[in-house]
Amino acid sequence: MANHASAKKRIRQTNRSNAVNSSRLSRVRTFIKKVEQAIEKGDPKIAKEALGVAQPVIMRGAQKGVLHPNTASRKLSRLSARIKTLQS
C-alpha cells in the first residue's frame, strides 16, 4: 500500500479514471450492439439512424483514449459497409 501522500492521490486518480474509461468503453460497445441489432433486423433506414447516433459516441471514445483512433474508424467503416449491403 502507498505510504506517500502523492502516491495515495495517484491511486485515487487512477481509480477514478478507470471507472470513467470503463463506463465510456461500455457505452461505445452498447451503441455498436444497437447498430448490429438494427442491421440484423434488415431495415437499412433504422440501421442508418442507429449508426448516425453511434458515430459520435464511437469517435468520442477514440478522442478520449478509450479506443485507438484507427479501431474506431475501422468499426465505423465496417458497420457502414454492412448497412450499404442492406440497401442494395
C-alpha atoms as a PDB file:
ATOM      1  CA  MET A   1       0.000   0.000   0.000  1.00  0.00           C
ATOM      2  CA  ALA A   2       1.127   3.521  -0.731  1.00  0.00           C
ATOM      3  CA  ASN A   3       2.693   5.497   2.089  1.00  0.00           C
ATOM      4  CA  HIS A   4       3.294   8.881   0.489  1.00  0.00           C
ATOM      5  CA  ALA A   5       0.513  11.391   0.013  1.00  0.00           C
ATOM      6  CA  SER A   6       1.319  11.768  -3.679  1.00  0.00           C
ATOM      7  CA  ALA A   7       1.129   8.004  -4.196  1.00  0.00           C
ATOM      8  CA  LYS A   8      -2.209   7.848  -2.387  1.00  0.00           C
ATOM      9  CA  LYS A   9      -3.507  10.667  -4.578  1.00  0.00           C
ATOM     10  CA  ARG A  10      -2.273   8.866  -7.679  1.00  0.00           C
ATOM     11  CA  ILE A  11      -4.186   5.743  -6.640  1.00  0.00           C
ATOM     12  CA  ARG A  12      -7.362   7.799  -6.217  1.00  0.00           C
ATOM     13  CA  GLN A  13      -6.880   9.398  -9.636  1.00  0.00           C
ATOM     14  CA  THR A  14      -6.234   6.041 -11.273  1.00  0.00           C
ATOM     15  CA  ASN A  15      -9.359   4.518  -9.743  1.00  0.00           C
ATOM     16  CA  ARG A  16     -11.454   7.470 -10.868  1.00  0.00           C
ATOM     17  CA  SER A  17     -10.134   7.454 -14.427  1.00  0.00           C
ATOM     18  CA  ASN A  18     -10.506   3.679 -14.595  1.00  0.00           C
ATOM     19  CA  ALA A  19     -14.180   3.981 -13.683  1.00  0.00           C
ATOM     20  CA  VAL A  20     -14.746   6.712 -16.265  1.00  0.00           C
ATOM     21  CA  ASN A  21     -12.924   4.798 -19.004  1.00  0.00           C
ATOM     22  CA  SER A  22     -14.827   1.597 -18.232  1.00  0.00           C
ATOM     23  CA  SER A  23     -18.087   3.491 -18.480  1.00  0.00           C
ATOM     24  CA  ARG A  24     -17.085   5.066 -21.791  1.00  0.00           C
ATOM     25  CA  LEU A  25     -16.000   1.753 -23.277  1.00  0.00           C
ATOM     26  CA  SER A  26     -19.228   0.111 -22.158  1.00  0.00           C
ATOM     27  CA  ARG A  27     -21.208   2.933 -23.762  1.00  0.00           C
ATOM     28  CA  VAL A  28     -19.331   2.503 -27.043  1.00  0.00           C
ATOM     29  CA  ARG A  29     -19.967  -1.245 -27.039  1.00  0.00           C
ATOM     30  CA  THR A  30     -23.661  -0.693 -26.311  1.00  0.00           C
ATOM     31  CA  PHE A  31     -24.077   1.644 -29.259  1.00  0.00           C
ATOM     32  CA  ILE A  32     -22.218  -0.761 -31.562  1.00  0.00           C
ATOM     33  CA  LYS A  33     -24.556  -3.549 -30.458  1.00  0.00           C
ATOM     34  CA  LYS A  34     -27.575  -1.350 -31.179  1.00  0.00           C
ATOM     35  CA  VAL A  35     -26.336  -0.784 -34.733  1.00  0.00           C
ATOM     36  CA  GLU A  36     -25.672  -4.506 -35.207  1.00  0.00           C
ATOM     37  CA  GLN A  37     -29.164  -5.360 -33.964  1.00  0.00           C
ATOM     38  CA  ALA A  38     -30.638  -2.855 -36.404  1.00  0.00           C
ATOM     39  CA  ILE A  39     -28.618  -4.446 -39.217  1.00  0.00           C
ATOM     40  CA  GLU A  40     -29.878  -7.904 -38.252  1.00  0.00           C
ATOM     41  CA  LYS A  41     -33.474  -6.675 -38.495  1.00  0.00           C
ATOM     42  CA  GLY A  42     -32.762  -5.928 -42.147  1.00  0.00           C
ATOM     43  CA  ASP A  43     -34.136  -2.387 -42.319  1.00  0.00           C
ATOM     44  CA  PRO A  44     -31.470  -0.063 -43.760  1.00  0.00           C
ATOM     45  CA  LYS A  45     -33.275   3.097 -42.629  1.00  0.00           C
ATOM     46  CA  ILE A  46     -33.291   2.080 -38.953  1.00  0.00           C
ATOM     47  CA  ALA A  47     -29.703   0.844 -39.213  1.00  0.00           C
ATOM     48  CA  LYS A  48     -28.588   4.132 -40.752  1.00  0.00           C
ATOM     49  CA  GLU A  49     -30.241   6.103 -37.958  1.00  0.00           C
ATOM     50  CA  ALA A  50     -28.607   3.881 -35.337  1.00  0.00           C
ATOM     51  CA  LEU A  51     -25.224   4.409 -36.973  1.00  0.00           C
ATOM     52  CA  GLY A  52     -25.811   8.173 -37.012  1.00  0.00           C
ATOM     53  CA  VAL A  53     -26.371   8.081 -33.257  1.00  0.00           C
ATOM     54  CA  ALA A  54     -23.465   5.707 -32.617  1.00  0.00           C
ATOM     55  CA  GLN A  55     -20.859   7.502 -34.700  1.00  0.00           C
ATOM     56  CA  PRO A  56     -20.249  10.473 -32.359  1.00  0.00           C
ATOM     57  CA  VAL A  57     -20.117   8.161 -29.349  1.00  0.00           C
ATOM     58  CA  ILE A  58     -17.521   5.917 -31.004  1.00  0.00           C
ATOM     59  CA  MET A  59     -15.390   8.830 -32.172  1.00  0.00           C
ATOM     60  CA  ARG A  60     -15.610  10.457 -28.742  1.00  0.00           C
ATOM     61  CA  GLY A  61     -14.310   7.211 -27.283  1.00  0.00           C
ATOM     62  CA  ALA A  62     -11.348   7.421 -29.644  1.00  0.00           C
ATOM     63  CA  GLN A  63     -10.792  11.063 -28.782  1.00  0.00           C
ATOM     64  CA  LYS A  64     -10.799  10.328 -25.048  1.00  0.00           C
ATOM     65  CA  GLY A  65      -8.325   7.470 -25.438  1.00  0.00           C
ATOM     66  CA  VAL A  66     -10.658   4.565 -24.729  1.00  0.00           C
ATOM     67  CA  LEU A  67     -10.276   3.251 -28.284  1.00  0.00           C
ATOM     68  CA  HIS A  68      -7.427   3.650 -30.728  1.00  0.00           C
ATOM     69  CA  PRO A  69      -8.494   6.105 -33.449  1.00  0.00           C
ATOM     70  CA  ASN A  70      -7.889   3.544 -36.200  1.00  0.00           C
ATOM     71  CA  THR A  71     -10.005   0.999 -34.318  1.00  0.00           C
ATOM     72  CA  ALA A  72     -12.897   3.445 -34.104  1.00  0.00           C
ATOM     73  CA  SER A  73     -12.611   4.288 -37.797  1.00  0.00           C
ATOM     74  CA  ARG A  74     -12.426   0.601 -38.707  1.00  0.00           C
ATOM     75  CA  LYS A  75     -15.551  -0.211 -36.681  1.00  0.00           C
ATOM     76  CA  LEU A  76     -17.494   2.633 -38.267  1.00  0.00           C
ATOM     77  CA  SER A  77     -16.313   1.673 -41.729  1.00  0.00           C
ATOM     78  CA  ARG A  78     -17.312  -1.959 -41.325  1.00  0.00           C
ATOM     79  CA  LEU A  79     -20.705  -1.074 -39.873  1.00  0.00           C
ATOM     80  CA  SER A  80     -21.438   1.369 -42.681  1.00  0.00           C
ATOM     81  CA  ALA A  81     -20.323  -1.234 -45.262  1.00  0.00           C
ATOM     82  CA  ARG A  82     -22.750  -3.729 -43.765  1.00  0.00           C
ATOM     83  CA  ILE A  83     -25.543  -1.160 -43.918  1.00  0.00           C
ATOM     84  CA  LYS A  84     -24.659  -0.438 -47.528  1.00  0.00           C
ATOM     85  CA  THR A  85     -25.071  -4.100 -48.437  1.00  0.00           C
ATOM     86  CA  LEU A  86     -28.554  -3.994 -46.897  1.00  0.00           C
ATOM     87  CA  GLN A  87     -29.560  -1.174 -49.207  1.00  0.00           C
ATOM     88  CA  SER A  88     -28.592  -2.988 -52.398  1.00  0.00           C
END
